[in-house]
Amino acid sequence: MSAVPSSINPAESSADAASAGPAFSPLYQQIKGLITRELQAGVWKPGEAIPSELDLAARFKVSQGTVRKAIDELAADNLLVRRQGKGTFVATHAEQQIQYRFLRLMPDDGAARGLERRLLDCRRLRAPADVARALACKSGDAVVQLRRLLLADGKGVVLDEIWLPGALFKGLTAERLADYKGPMYGMFETEFGVRMIRAEEKIRALAADAASAPLLAVVPGAPLLSVERLSFTYGDKPVELRRGLYNTEQHFYRNELN
């Protein structure tokens, strides 16, 4: 396993703090940044164990407590997973507690369960201007557009339009999506090396139009929840724009505020 490329000297950090002023970040945040850099570089793959806290503390020349605090934050960010008695592992979207992290639609009884997926379309296009702005690429660059329906008990509850940068998802086809049995983000992670780290959402209510109504088993004009999500990978790089229409007739949108 490759060594972490750099270490932090606490004395040097104190001197830097004096000159950096309010912009200086605590030592554990610097360690968190170094570990994140290693994750981004693929030194430790999804599902693999990272070195122990003692090993990382020796490597970075800091205390074990500083490393532990950095790892605690990375675990809270769902980048790492602690397993009691086994160690700390790189999180993967195949993890049961992580794979539905971005799916907030819950049935009225509150019991989380998977939804059936039905791919409607997969096309490679030139990026429209609004999609290019969201994905930080140029208008006209290659993008992949997916349309899919999520169903609960055979009834459509989410109609998704998903836009992905073409350069990162070369070779993504409807056939590959149909053959992959795990979560879509798990496929992006294992087959394309793109891991979704965090997302921003905008939510509003709107009325079902003539195209979306039959897919979601509602009449035109019925109320739907519109959720636009922009997902980011390491370095806050946008890698997915998702526009979803949610039928909340028998479901609700659940969020946790910390």
Protein backbone atom coordinates (compact mmCIF):
# COMPACT_ATOMS: atom_id res chain seq x y z
CA MET A 1 0.00 0.00 0.00
CA SER A 2 1.36 3.38 -0.98
CA ALA A 3 2.51 5.72 1.76
CA VAL A 4 0.79 9.02 2.36
CA PRO A 5 2.91 11.51 0.38
CA SER A 6 3.30 14.20 3.01
CA SER A 7 3.29 14.74 6.76
CA ILE A 8 2.50 17.66 9.00
CA ASN A 9 4.86 18.98 11.62
CA PRO A 10 2.83 20.44 14.53
CA ALA A 11 5.47 23.11 15.21
CA GLU A 12 5.37 24.22 11.60
CA SER A 13 1.58 24.19 11.72
CA SER A 14 1.61 26.54 14.73
CA ALA A 15 3.87 28.96 12.90
CA ASP A 16 1.67 28.75 9.84
CA ALA A 17 -1.37 29.46 12.00
CA ALA A 18 0.11 32.71 13.21
CA SER A 19 0.74 33.94 9.70
CA ALA A 20 -2.37 32.52 8.10
CA GLY A 21 -4.81 34.18 10.50
CA PRO A 22 -8.49 33.20 10.33
CA ALA A 23 -7.93 31.10 7.17
CA PHE A 24 -5.84 28.55 9.09
CA SER A 25 -7.54 25.19 9.50
CA PRO A 26 -7.17 22.98 12.60
CA LEU A 27 -4.63 20.17 12.43
CA TYR A 28 -7.24 17.42 12.25
CA GLN A 29 -8.82 19.20 9.27
CA GLN A 30 -5.45 19.15 7.52
CA ILE A 31 -5.17 15.41 8.21
CA LYS A 32 -8.71 14.96 6.90
CA GLY A 33 -7.65 16.75 3.72
CA LEU A 34 -4.61 14.50 3.27
CA ILE A 35 -6.67 11.34 3.75
CA THR A 36 -9.29 12.65 1.32
CA ARG A 37 -6.54 13.32 -1.21
CA GLU A 38 -5.45 9.68 -0.92
CA LEU A 39 -9.03 8.51 -1.39
CA GLN A 40 -9.35 10.68 -4.48
CA ALA A 41 -6.08 9.29 -5.86
CA GLY A 42 -7.36 5.73 -5.38
CA VAL A 43 -4.62 4.69 -2.95
CA TRP A 44 -7.35 2.85 -1.02
CA LYS A 45 -10.17 1.49 -3.17
CA PRO A 46 -13.86 1.38 -2.18
CA GLY A 47 -14.36 -1.44 0.28
CA GLU A 48 -10.66 -1.65 1.26
CA ALA A 49 -9.34 -1.09 4.77
CA ILE A 50 -7.23 2.00 5.41
CA PRO A 51 -4.20 1.87 7.76
CA SER A 52 -4.85 1.93 11.49
CA GLU A 53 -5.05 5.17 13.43
CA LEU A 54 -1.65 4.41 14.99
CA ASP A 55 -0.06 3.84 11.57
CA LEU A 56 -1.57 7.03 10.18
CA ALA A 57 -0.51 9.00 13.26
CA ALA A 58 3.08 7.81 12.81
CA ARG A 59 2.98 8.54 9.11
CA PHE A 60 1.63 12.07 9.56
CA LYS A 61 3.65 12.71 12.75
CA VAL A 62 0.59 13.74 14.74
CA SER A 63 -1.27 12.25 17.71
CA GLN A 64 -3.63 9.32 17.39
CA GLY A 65 -6.41 11.57 18.73
CA THR A 66 -5.90 14.00 15.84
CA VAL A 67 -6.17 11.15 13.33
CA ARG A 68 -9.24 9.79 15.11
CA LYS A 69 -11.00 13.15 14.89
CA ALA A 70 -10.23 13.37 11.16
CA ILE A 71 -11.54 9.85 10.58
CA ASP A 72 -14.65 10.59 12.66
CA GLU A 73 -15.48 13.45 10.29
CA LEU A 74 -14.79 11.35 7.19
CA ALA A 75 -17.08 8.66 8.58
CA ALA A 76 -19.77 11.28 9.24
CA ASP A 77 -19.33 12.41 5.62
CA ASN A 78 -19.87 8.78 4.51
CA LEU A 79 -16.41 8.58 2.95
CA LEU A 80 -15.22 5.99 5.48
CA VAL A 81 -17.02 3.26 7.42
CA ARG A 82 -15.93 2.00 10.84
CA ARG A 83 -16.48 -1.70 11.54
CA GLN A 84 -16.09 -2.68 15.16
CA GLY A 85 -13.24 -5.11 15.67
CA LYS A 86 -12.25 -4.98 11.99
CA GLY A 87 -11.00 -1.46 11.30
CA THR A 88 -11.93 1.45 9.07
CA PHE A 89 -12.84 0.93 5.43
CA VAL A 90 -13.38 3.11 2.37
CA ALA A 91 -17.13 3.52 2.01
CA THR A 92 -18.80 2.12 -1.06
CA HIS A 93 -22.25 2.70 -2.54
CA ALA A 94 -22.78 -1.06 -2.24
CA GLU A 95 -23.00 -0.61 1.55
CA GLN A 96 -26.58 -1.16 2.71
CA GLN A 97 -26.57 1.99 4.87
CA ILE A 98 -25.11 4.11 2.07
CA GLN A 99 -26.62 2.92 -1.20
CA TYR A 100 -29.98 4.65 -0.53
CA ARG A 101 -28.44 7.71 1.11
CA PHE A 102 -29.54 10.04 -1.69
CA LEU A 103 -33.00 8.47 -2.10
CA ARG A 104 -35.23 10.34 0.33
CA LEU A 105 -38.65 9.10 -0.79
CA MET A 106 -40.24 6.95 1.91
CA PRO A 107 -43.56 5.08 1.96
CA ASP A 108 -46.17 6.36 4.39
CA ASP A 109 -45.41 3.54 6.84
CA GLY A 110 -41.81 4.87 7.08
CA ALA A 111 -40.18 1.50 6.29
CA ALA A 112 -37.29 2.03 3.86
CA ARG A 113 -37.20 -0.46 1.00
CA GLY A 114 -35.78 -0.69 -2.46
CA LEU A 115 -37.64 0.39 -5.56
CA GLU A 116 -37.91 -1.40 -8.89
CA ARG A 117 -35.94 0.35 -11.66
CA ARG A 118 -37.08 0.69 -15.25
CA LEU A 119 -34.72 2.35 -17.74
CA LEU A 120 -36.63 4.40 -20.31
CA ASP A 121 -33.80 5.87 -22.36
CA CYS A 122 -30.01 6.24 -22.53
CA ARG A 123 -28.56 8.65 -25.08
CA ARG A 124 -25.29 10.44 -25.74
CA LEU A 125 -25.97 14.08 -26.64
CA ARG A 126 -24.40 17.52 -26.85
CA ALA A 127 -24.84 19.37 -23.56
CA PRO A 128 -27.62 21.99 -23.54
CA ALA A 129 -26.49 25.30 -22.07
CA ASP A 130 -28.24 24.81 -18.71
CA VAL A 131 -26.82 21.31 -18.26
CA ALA A 132 -23.34 22.51 -19.23
CA ARG A 133 -23.49 25.26 -16.61
CA ALA A 134 -24.54 22.80 -13.90
CA LEU A 135 -21.84 20.25 -14.79
CA ALA A 136 -19.13 22.89 -15.26
CA CYS A 137 -18.47 21.89 -18.87
CA LYS A 138 -18.83 23.66 -22.20
CA SER A 139 -22.10 23.96 -24.06
CA GLY A 140 -22.02 21.29 -26.75
CA ASP A 141 -19.68 18.94 -24.86
CA ALA A 142 -20.68 15.28 -24.86
CA VAL A 143 -23.07 14.26 -22.07
CA VAL A 144 -25.08 11.15 -21.32
CA GLN A 145 -28.80 11.54 -20.69
CA LEU A 146 -30.67 8.81 -18.81
CA ARG A 147 -34.39 8.62 -18.19
CA ARG A 148 -35.67 6.06 -15.74
CA LEU A 149 -38.70 5.23 -13.67
CA LEU A 150 -38.63 3.98 -10.08
CA LEU A 151 -41.61 1.89 -9.08
CA ALA A 152 -43.09 0.76 -5.77
CA ASP A 153 -45.41 -2.26 -5.98
CA GLY A 154 -45.52 -1.83 -9.75
CA LYS A 155 -46.57 1.83 -9.60
CA GLY A 156 -44.30 4.65 -10.78
CA VAL A 157 -43.25 6.96 -7.96
CA VAL A 158 -40.11 8.70 -9.33
CA LEU A 159 -39.43 9.81 -12.90
CA ASP A 160 -35.76 10.74 -13.22
CA GLU A 161 -33.89 12.63 -15.92
CA ILE A 162 -30.15 12.20 -15.28
CA TRP A 163 -27.31 14.05 -17.02
CA LEU A 164 -23.68 12.86 -16.77
CA PRO A 165 -20.42 14.22 -18.26
CA GLY A 166 -19.65 12.17 -21.35
CA ALA A 167 -15.88 12.22 -20.75
CA LEU A 168 -16.29 10.46 -17.38
CA PHE A 169 -18.85 7.93 -18.56
CA LYS A 170 -17.49 6.65 -21.85
CA GLY A 171 -19.06 3.33 -22.72
CA LEU A 172 -22.14 3.78 -20.55
CA THR A 173 -25.01 2.15 -22.44
CA ALA A 174 -28.53 0.97 -21.76
CA GLU A 175 -27.25 -2.62 -21.95
CA ARG A 176 -24.62 -2.06 -19.26
CA LEU A 177 -27.17 -0.38 -17.03
CA ALA A 178 -29.64 -3.23 -17.51
CA ASP A 179 -26.99 -5.87 -16.76
CA TYR A 180 -25.82 -4.21 -13.53
CA LYS A 181 -27.87 -5.48 -10.58
CA GLY A 182 -26.62 -3.18 -7.83
CA PRO A 183 -27.39 0.51 -7.17
CA MET A 184 -26.61 2.92 -10.02
CA TYR A 185 -24.12 4.87 -7.91
CA GLY A 186 -22.39 1.57 -7.16
CA MET A 187 -21.95 1.04 -10.90
CA PHE A 188 -20.60 4.56 -11.36
CA GLU A 189 -18.11 3.86 -8.58
CA THR A 190 -16.89 0.40 -9.61
CA GLU A 191 -17.02 0.64 -13.40
CA PHE A 192 -16.26 4.31 -14.03
CA GLY A 193 -14.32 5.34 -10.93
CA VAL A 194 -16.75 8.16 -10.12
CA ARG A 195 -17.90 8.36 -6.50
CA MET A 196 -20.73 10.64 -5.45
CA ILE A 197 -19.63 12.39 -2.26
CA ARG A 198 -22.34 14.93 -1.60
CA ALA A 199 -25.32 16.56 -3.27
CA GLU A 200 -27.27 19.80 -3.31
CA GLU A 201 -31.01 19.80 -3.95
CA LYS A 202 -33.68 22.28 -4.96
CA ILE A 203 -37.29 21.25 -4.30
CA ARG A 204 -40.55 22.74 -5.50
CA ALA A 205 -44.13 21.65 -6.17
CA LEU A 206 -45.52 21.52 -9.70
CA ALA A 207 -48.32 19.94 -11.70
CA ALA A 208 -47.96 16.74 -13.73
CA ASP A 209 -47.91 17.35 -17.48
CA ALA A 210 -49.27 15.11 -20.21
CA ALA A 211 -45.93 13.29 -20.62
CA SER A 212 -45.18 12.55 -16.94
CA ALA A 213 -48.72 11.84 -15.72
CA PRO A 214 -49.19 8.33 -17.23
CA LEU A 215 -45.73 7.19 -16.11
CA LEU A 216 -46.50 8.19 -12.51
CA ALA A 217 -50.10 6.94 -12.65
CA VAL A 218 -51.65 10.34 -11.98
CA VAL A 219 -53.91 12.61 -13.98
CA PRO A 220 -52.48 15.68 -15.75
CA GLY A 221 -52.46 18.56 -13.30
CA ALA A 222 -51.95 16.35 -10.24
CA PRO A 223 -49.42 17.71 -7.72
CA LEU A 224 -45.88 16.35 -7.94
CA LEU A 225 -42.68 17.14 -6.10
CA SER A 226 -39.86 18.37 -8.35
CA VAL A 227 -36.37 17.60 -6.98
CA GLU A 228 -33.32 18.88 -8.84
CA ARG A 229 -30.10 17.40 -7.46
CA LEU A 230 -26.52 18.26 -8.33
CA SER A 231 -24.08 15.60 -7.11
CA PHE A 232 -20.36 16.16 -6.54
CA THR A 233 -17.30 13.95 -6.34
CA TYR A 234 -13.96 14.70 -4.66
CA GLY A 235 -12.80 18.29 -4.97
CA ASP A 236 -16.41 19.50 -5.24
CA LYS A 237 -16.49 18.59 -8.92
CA PRO A 238 -20.08 18.30 -10.25
CA VAL A 239 -20.60 14.92 -11.93
CA GLU A 240 -24.35 14.42 -12.08
CA LEU A 241 -27.41 16.57 -12.64
CA ARG A 242 -30.62 14.78 -11.75
CA ARG A 243 -34.13 16.15 -12.24
CA GLY A 244 -36.77 14.01 -10.61
CA LEU A 245 -40.55 14.15 -10.44
CA TYR A 246 -41.91 12.46 -7.31
CA ASN A 247 -45.42 11.14 -6.78
CA THR A 248 -46.02 11.68 -3.05
CA GLU A 249 -49.57 10.35 -2.99
CA GLN A 250 -48.46 7.42 -0.80
CA HIS A 251 -44.90 8.56 -0.03
CA PHE A 252 -43.20 11.46 1.70
CA TYR A 253 -39.82 13.15 1.23
CA ARG A 254 -37.65 12.56 4.28
CA ASN A 255 -34.63 14.64 5.31
CA GLU A 256 -32.45 14.87 8.39
CA LEU A 257 -31.26 18.24 9.64
CA ASN A 258 -28.11 18.38 11.78
